[in-house]
Amino acid sequence: MNWNARKYFFDIFLIVIFSPLICILLVLIALLVLVFNGKPIIFKSNRIGVNEKVFTMYKFRTMSLDTPLV
C-alpha cells in the first residue's frame, strides 16, 4: 500500500470519527446563539474572493440585532 492510499484511508477515518462531534458542536453553537441573541442564527455576508469574484459567506451571528452601525 503506497503512501497516498494510506493517507486517503487515514483522512476517511478521521472524517468518520470527528464528523459527529463537529455536528453536535455546531448544533450547540446554534442553540446558544438562538437563546442569547434570538433569530436569525446565521449571518450572510457578500465577500470578494479570487479574481474579484463575489461569493456569499455564511457564519453564526454573534452581534446583537440592535447594535448601531458606526
PDB file of N, CA and C in Angstrom:
ATOM      1  N   MET A   1       0.850  -1.173   0.000  1.00  0.00           N
ATOM      2  CA  MET A   1       0.000   0.000   0.000  1.00  0.00           C
ATOM      3  C   MET A   1       0.896   1.237   0.000  1.00  0.00           C
ATOM      4  N   ASN A   2       0.683   2.098  -0.981  1.00  0.00           N
ATOM      5  CA  ASN A   2       1.544   3.282  -1.066  1.00  0.00           C
ATOM      6  C   ASN A   2       1.083   4.374  -0.104  1.00  0.00           C
ATOM      7  N   TRP A   3       1.882   5.431  -0.023  1.00  0.00           N
ATOM      8  CA  TRP A   3       1.645   6.491   0.948  1.00  0.00           C
ATOM      9  C   TRP A   3       0.333   7.218   0.684  1.00  0.00           C
ATOM     10  N   ASN A   4      -0.013   7.472  -0.581  1.00  0.00           N
ATOM     11  CA  ASN A   4      -1.246   8.193  -0.911  1.00  0.00           C
ATOM     12  C   ASN A   4      -2.483   7.422  -0.471  1.00  0.00           C
ATOM     13  N   ALA A   5      -2.470   6.119  -0.646  1.00  0.00           N
ATOM     14  CA  ALA A   5      -3.616   5.309  -0.234  1.00  0.00           C
ATOM     15  C   ALA A   5      -3.743   5.300   1.283  1.00  0.00           C
ATOM     16  N   ARG A   6      -2.623   5.205   1.996  1.00  0.00           N
ATOM     17  CA  ARG A   6      -2.676   5.240   3.461  1.00  0.00           C
ATOM     18  C   ARG A   6      -3.208   6.576   3.957  1.00  0.00           C
ATOM     19  N   LYS A   7      -2.764   7.666   3.346  1.00  0.00           N
ATOM     20  CA  LYS A   7      -3.242   8.989   3.732  1.00  0.00           C
ATOM     21  C   LYS A   7      -4.729   9.112   3.449  1.00  0.00           C
ATOM     22  N   TYR A   8      -5.185   8.602   2.323  1.00  0.00           N
ATOM     23  CA  TYR A   8      -6.601   8.656   1.970  1.00  0.00           C
ATOM     24  C   TYR A   8      -7.445   7.926   3.013  1.00  0.00           C
ATOM     25  N   PHE A   9      -7.060   6.717   3.378  1.00  0.00           N
ATOM     26  CA  PHE A   9      -7.827   5.962   4.364  1.00  0.00           C
ATOM     27  C   PHE A   9      -7.745   6.598   5.747  1.00  0.00           C
ATOM     28  N   PHE A  10      -6.618   7.191   6.088  1.00  0.00           N
ATOM     29  CA  PHE A  10      -6.493   7.897   7.353  1.00  0.00           C
ATOM     30  C   PHE A  10      -7.417   9.115   7.374  1.00  0.00           C
ATOM     31  N   ASP A  11      -7.496   9.860   6.263  1.00  0.00           N
ATOM     32  CA  ASP A  11      -8.402  11.007   6.170  1.00  0.00           C
ATOM     33  C   ASP A  11      -9.856  10.579   6.319  1.00  0.00           C
ATOM     34  N   ILE A  12     -10.226   9.496   5.659  1.00  0.00           N
ATOM     35  CA  ILE A  12     -11.594   8.976   5.769  1.00  0.00           C
ATOM     36  C   ILE A  12     -11.879   8.558   7.209  1.00  0.00           C
ATOM     37  N   PHE A  13     -10.921   7.917   7.859  1.00  0.00           N
ATOM     38  CA  PHE A  13     -11.067   7.504   9.251  1.00  0.00           C
ATOM     39  C   PHE A  13     -11.312   8.715  10.149  1.00  0.00           C
ATOM     40  N   LEU A  14     -10.533   9.780   9.963  1.00  0.00           N
ATOM     41  CA  LEU A  14     -10.708  10.983  10.773  1.00  0.00           C
ATOM     42  C   LEU A  14     -12.064  11.637  10.527  1.00  0.00           C
ATOM     43  N   ILE A  15     -12.509  11.640   9.285  1.00  0.00           N
ATOM     44  CA  ILE A  15     -13.817  12.213   8.972  1.00  0.00           C
ATOM     45  C   ILE A  15     -14.924  11.426   9.666  1.00  0.00           C
ATOM     46  N   VAL A  16     -14.837  10.118   9.632  1.00  0.00           N
ATOM     47  CA  VAL A  16     -15.861   9.282  10.268  1.00  0.00           C
ATOM     48  C   VAL A  16     -15.870   9.502  11.782  1.00  0.00           C
ATOM     49  N   ILE A  17     -14.705   9.662  12.377  1.00  0.00           N
ATOM     50  CA  ILE A  17     -14.622   9.848  13.824  1.00  0.00           C
ATOM     51  C   ILE A  17     -15.088  11.241  14.248  1.00  0.00           C
ATOM     52  N   PHE A  18     -14.649  12.291  13.563  1.00  0.00           N
ATOM     53  CA  PHE A  18     -14.876  13.649  14.023  1.00  0.00           C
ATOM     54  C   PHE A  18     -16.125  14.320  13.472  1.00  0.00           C
ATOM     55  N   SER A  19     -16.720  13.835  12.402  1.00  0.00           N
ATOM     56  CA  SER A  19     -17.922  14.458  11.853  1.00  0.00           C
ATOM     57  C   SER A  19     -19.075  14.515  12.844  1.00  0.00           C
ATOM     58  N   PRO A  20     -19.402  13.420  13.551  1.00  0.00           N
ATOM     59  CA  PRO A  20     -20.491  13.531  14.530  1.00  0.00           C
ATOM     60  C   PRO A  20     -20.179  14.537  15.643  1.00  0.00           C
ATOM     61  N   LEU A  21     -18.942  14.592  16.074  1.00  0.00           N
ATOM     62  CA  LEU A  21     -18.576  15.547  17.120  1.00  0.00           C
ATOM     63  C   LEU A  21     -18.708  16.983  16.639  1.00  0.00           C
ATOM     64  N   ILE A  22     -18.288  17.247  15.426  1.00  0.00           N
ATOM     65  CA  ILE A  22     -18.390  18.591  14.867  1.00  0.00           C
ATOM     66  C   ILE A  22     -19.842  18.978  14.655  1.00  0.00           C
ATOM     67  N   CYS A  23     -20.664  18.039  14.196  1.00  0.00           N
ATOM     68  CA  CYS A  23     -22.089  18.334  14.004  1.00  0.00           C
ATOM     69  C   CYS A  23     -22.764  18.663  15.328  1.00  0.00           C
ATOM     70  N   ILE A  24     -22.454  17.914  16.373  1.00  0.00           N
ATOM     71  CA  ILE A  24     -23.019  18.197  17.694  1.00  0.00           C
ATOM     72  C   ILE A  24     -22.569  19.569  18.169  1.00  0.00           C
ATOM     73  N   LEU A  25     -21.313  19.903  17.969  1.00  0.00           N
ATOM     74  CA  LEU A  25     -20.800  21.204  18.368  1.00  0.00           C
ATOM     75  C   LEU A  25     -21.500  22.342  17.621  1.00  0.00           C
ATOM     76  N   LEU A  26     -21.731  22.174  16.321  1.00  0.00           N
ATOM     77  CA  LEU A  26     -22.412  23.201  15.536  1.00  0.00           C
ATOM     78  C   LEU A  26     -23.856  23.395  15.995  1.00  0.00           C
ATOM     79  N   VAL A  27     -24.527  22.312  16.336  1.00  0.00           N
ATOM     80  CA  VAL A  27     -25.899  22.416  16.837  1.00  0.00           C
ATOM     81  C   VAL A  27     -25.912  23.140  18.180  1.00  0.00           C
ATOM     82  N   LEU A  28     -24.962  22.837  19.050  1.00  0.00           N
ATOM     83  CA  LEU A  28     -24.884  23.536  20.338  1.00  0.00           C
ATOM     84  C   LEU A  28     -24.625  25.030  20.165  1.00  0.00           C
ATOM     85  N   ILE A  29     -23.747  25.385  19.255  1.00  0.00           N
ATOM     86  CA  ILE A  29     -23.476  26.801  18.990  1.00  0.00           C
ATOM     87  C   ILE A  29     -24.735  27.483  18.464  1.00  0.00           C
ATOM     88  N   ALA A  30     -25.448  26.823  17.564  1.00  0.00           N
ATOM     89  CA  ALA A  30     -26.684  27.390  17.024  1.00  0.00           C
ATOM     90  C   ALA A  30     -27.712  27.595  18.128  1.00  0.00           C
ATOM     91  N   LEU A  31     -27.835  26.647  19.038  1.00  0.00           N
ATOM     92  CA  LEU A  31     -28.774  26.798  20.153  1.00  0.00           C
ATOM     93  C   LEU A  31     -28.369  27.938  21.077  1.00  0.00           C
ATOM     94  N   LEU A  32     -27.077  28.085  21.335  1.00  0.00           N
ATOM     95  CA  LEU A  32     -26.599  29.189  22.170  1.00  0.00           C
ATOM     96  C   LEU A  32     -26.879  30.544  21.527  1.00  0.00           C
ATOM     97  N   VAL A  33     -26.654  30.648  20.242  1.00  0.00           N
ATOM     98  CA  VAL A  33     -26.948  31.899  19.534  1.00  0.00           C
ATOM     99  C   VAL A  33     -28.447  32.183  19.606  1.00  0.00           C
ATOM    100  N   LEU A  34     -29.260  31.159  19.433  1.00  0.00           N
ATOM    101  CA  LEU A  34     -30.709  31.333  19.489  1.00  0.00           C
ATOM    102  C   LEU A  34     -31.167  31.784  20.869  1.00  0.00           C
ATOM    103  N   VAL A  35     -30.615  31.183  21.917  1.00  0.00           N
ATOM    104  CA  VAL A  35     -31.031  31.516  23.278  1.00  0.00           C
ATOM    105  C   VAL A  35     -30.586  32.922  23.668  1.00  0.00           C
ATOM    106  N   PHE A  36     -29.349  33.288  23.371  1.00  0.00           N
ATOM    107  CA  PHE A  36     -28.815  34.561  23.835  1.00  0.00           C
ATOM    108  C   PHE A  36     -29.086  35.735  22.900  1.00  0.00           C
ATOM    109  N   ASN A  37     -29.218  35.497  21.599  1.00  0.00           N
ATOM    110  CA  ASN A  37     -29.383  36.597  20.651  1.00  0.00           C
ATOM    111  C   ASN A  37     -30.659  36.516  19.834  1.00  0.00           C
ATOM    112  N   GLY A  38     -31.364  35.406  19.866  1.00  0.00           N
ATOM    113  CA  GLY A  38     -32.580  35.259  19.080  1.00  0.00           C
ATOM    114  C   GLY A  38     -32.286  34.947  17.628  1.00  0.00           C
ATOM    115  N   LYS A  39     -33.323  35.105  16.815  1.00  0.00           N
ATOM    116  CA  LYS A  39     -33.192  34.797  15.390  1.00  0.00           C
ATOM    117  C   LYS A  39     -32.717  36.032  14.654  1.00  0.00           C
ATOM    118  N   PRO A  40     -32.132  35.961  13.530  1.00  0.00           N
ATOM    119  CA  PRO A  40     -31.652  34.799  12.794  1.00  0.00           C
ATOM    120  C   PRO A  40     -30.361  34.246  13.383  1.00  0.00           C
ATOM    121  N   ILE A  41     -30.131  32.986  13.200  1.00  0.00           N
ATOM    122  CA  ILE A  41     -28.947  32.325  13.746  1.00  0.00           C
ATOM    123  C   ILE A  41     -27.753  32.500  12.816  1.00  0.00           C
ATOM    124  N   ILE A  42     -28.006  32.443  11.526  1.00  0.00           N
ATOM    125  CA  ILE A  42     -26.943  32.518  10.517  1.00  0.00           C
ATOM    126  C   ILE A  42     -26.889  33.927   9.935  1.00  0.00           C
ATOM    127  N   PHE A  43     -25.679  34.477   9.829  1.00  0.00           N
ATOM    128  CA  PHE A  43     -25.432  35.779   9.227  1.00  0.00           C
ATOM    129  C   PHE A  43     -24.882  35.556   7.829  1.00  0.00           C
ATOM    130  N   LYS A  44     -25.403  36.286   6.859  1.00  0.00           N
ATOM    131  CA  LYS A  44     -24.987  36.141   5.468  1.00  0.00           C
ATOM    132  C   LYS A  44     -24.294  37.419   5.031  1.00  0.00           C
ATOM    133  N   SER A  45     -23.111  37.280   4.424  1.00  0.00           N
ATOM    134  CA  SER A  45     -22.329  38.442   4.012  1.00  0.00           C
ATOM    135  C   SER A  45     -21.709  38.189   2.645  1.00  0.00           C
ATOM    136  N   ASN A  46     -21.743  39.196   1.792  1.00  0.00           N
ATOM    137  CA  ASN A  46     -21.092  39.081   0.489  1.00  0.00           C
ATOM    138  C   ASN A  46     -19.638  39.493   0.627  1.00  0.00           C
ATOM    139  N   ARG A  47     -18.753  38.697   0.097  1.00  0.00           N
ATOM    140  CA  ARG A  47     -17.309  38.962   0.149  1.00  0.00           C
ATOM    141  C   ARG A  47     -16.736  38.889  -1.255  1.00  0.00           C
ATOM    142  N   ILE A  48     -15.560  39.461  -1.424  1.00  0.00           N
ATOM    143  CA  ILE A  48     -14.865  39.409  -2.707  1.00  0.00           C
ATOM    144  C   ILE A  48     -13.749  38.388  -2.592  1.00  0.00           C
ATOM    145  N   GLY A  49     -13.728  37.442  -3.516  1.00  0.00           N
ATOM    146  CA  GLY A  49     -12.757  36.363  -3.476  1.00  0.00           C
ATOM    147  C   GLY A  49     -11.731  36.465  -4.581  1.00  0.00           C
ATOM    148  N   VAL A  50     -11.258  35.319  -4.996  1.00  0.00           N
ATOM    149  CA  VAL A  50     -10.236  35.226  -6.024  1.00  0.00           C
ATOM    150  C   VAL A  50     -10.775  35.796  -7.338  1.00  0.00           C
ATOM    151  N   ASN A  51      -9.947  36.537  -8.035  1.00  0.00           N
ATOM    152  CA  ASN A  51     -10.292  37.157  -9.312  1.00  0.00           C
ATOM    153  C   ASN A  51     -11.485  38.097  -9.192  1.00  0.00           C
ATOM    154  N   GLU A  52     -11.608  38.770  -8.026  1.00  0.00           N
ATOM    155  CA  GLU A  52     -12.675  39.750  -7.792  1.00  0.00           C
ATOM    156  C   GLU A  52     -14.071  39.140  -7.893  1.00  0.00           C
ATOM    157  N   LYS A  53     -14.195  37.842  -7.695  1.00  0.00           N
ATOM    158  CA  LYS A  53     -15.491  37.164  -7.774  1.00  0.00           C
ATOM    159  C   LYS A  53     -16.194  37.278  -6.416  1.00  0.00           C
ATOM    160  N   VAL A  54     -17.442  37.726  -6.441  1.00  0.00           N
ATOM    161  CA  VAL A  54     -18.224  37.897  -5.215  1.00  0.00           C
ATOM    162  C   VAL A  54     -18.835  36.553  -4.831  1.00  0.00           C
ATOM    163  N   PHE A  55     -18.715  36.198  -3.547  1.00  0.00           N
ATOM    164  CA  PHE A  55     -19.337  34.975  -3.043  1.00  0.00           C
ATOM    165  C   PHE A  55     -20.039  35.290  -1.732  1.00  0.00           C
ATOM    166  N   THR A  56     -20.970  34.437  -1.346  1.00  0.00           N
ATOM    167  CA  THR A  56     -21.725  34.623  -0.114  1.00  0.00           C
ATOM    168  C   THR A  56     -21.109  33.768   0.975  1.00  0.00           C
ATOM    169  N   MET A  57     -20.801  34.409   2.104  1.00  0.00           N
ATOM    170  CA  MET A  57     -20.222  33.712   3.240  1.00  0.00           C
ATOM    171  C   MET A  57     -21.276  33.627   4.341  1.00  0.00           C
ATOM    172  N   TYR A  58     -21.451  32.435   4.893  1.00  0.00           N
ATOM    173  CA  TYR A  58     -22.394  32.213   5.976  1.00  0.00           C
ATOM    174  C   TYR A  58     -21.607  31.957   7.266  1.00  0.00           C
ATOM    175  N   LYS A  59     -22.072  32.545   8.370  1.00  0.00           N
ATOM    176  CA  LYS A  59     -21.437  32.297   9.654  1.00  0.00           C
ATOM    177  C   LYS A  59     -22.474  32.500  10.750  1.00  0.00           C
ATOM    178  N   PHE A  60     -22.146  32.031  11.945  1.00  0.00           N
ATOM    179  CA  PHE A  60     -23.048  32.230  13.062  1.00  0.00           C
ATOM    180  C   PHE A  60     -23.057  33.703  13.432  1.00  0.00           C
ATOM    181  N   ARG A  61     -24.253  34.222  13.709  1.00  0.00           N
ATOM    182  CA  ARG A  61     -24.387  35.620  14.090  1.00  0.00           C
ATOM    183  C   ARG A  61     -23.950  35.783  15.539  1.00  0.00           C
ATOM    184  N   THR A  62     -23.040  36.714  15.785  1.00  0.00           N
ATOM    185  CA  THR A  62     -22.542  36.924  17.143  1.00  0.00           C
ATOM    186  C   THR A  62     -22.886  38.313  17.666  1.00  0.00           C
ATOM    187  N   MET A  63     -23.266  39.232  16.800  1.00  0.00           N
ATOM    188  CA  MET A  63     -23.642  40.579  17.241  1.00  0.00           C
ATOM    189  C   MET A  63     -25.141  40.647  17.469  1.00  0.00           C
ATOM    190  N   SER A  64     -25.543  41.516  18.384  1.00  0.00           N
ATOM    191  CA  SER A  64     -26.972  41.749  18.607  1.00  0.00           C
ATOM    192  C   SER A  64     -27.563  42.491  17.420  1.00  0.00           C
ATOM    193  N   LEU A  65     -28.864  42.305  17.204  1.00  0.00           N
ATOM    194  CA  LEU A  65     -29.511  42.972  16.083  1.00  0.00           C
ATOM    195  C   LEU A  65     -29.608  44.479  16.292  1.00  0.00           C
ATOM    196  N   ASP A  66     -29.634  44.957  17.533  1.00  0.00           N
ATOM    197  CA  ASP A  66     -29.779  46.387  17.795  1.00  0.00           C
ATOM    198  C   ASP A  66     -28.439  47.114  17.949  1.00  0.00           C
ATOM    199  N   THR A  67     -27.356  46.510  17.503  1.00  0.00           N
ATOM    200  CA  THR A  67     -26.039  47.161  17.559  1.00  0.00           C
ATOM    201  C   THR A  67     -25.986  48.266  16.513  1.00  0.00           C
ATOM    202  N   PRO A  68     -25.616  49.497  16.907  1.00  0.00           N
ATOM    203  CA  PRO A  68     -25.601  50.604  15.932  1.00  0.00           C
ATOM    204  C   PRO A  68     -24.428  50.467  14.961  1.00  0.00           C
ATOM    205  N   LEU A  69     -24.681  50.921  13.738  1.00  0.00           N
ATOM    206  CA  LEU A  69     -23.618  50.966  12.733  1.00  0.00           C
ATOM    207  C   LEU A  69     -22.788  52.222  12.982  1.00  0.00           C
ATOM    208  N   VAL A  70     -21.488  52.095  12.906  1.00  0.00           N
ATOM    209  CA  VAL A  70     -20.618  53.243  13.166  1.00  0.00           C
ATOM    210  C   VAL A  70     -20.109  53.808  11.870  1.00  0.00           C
TER     211      VAL A  70
END
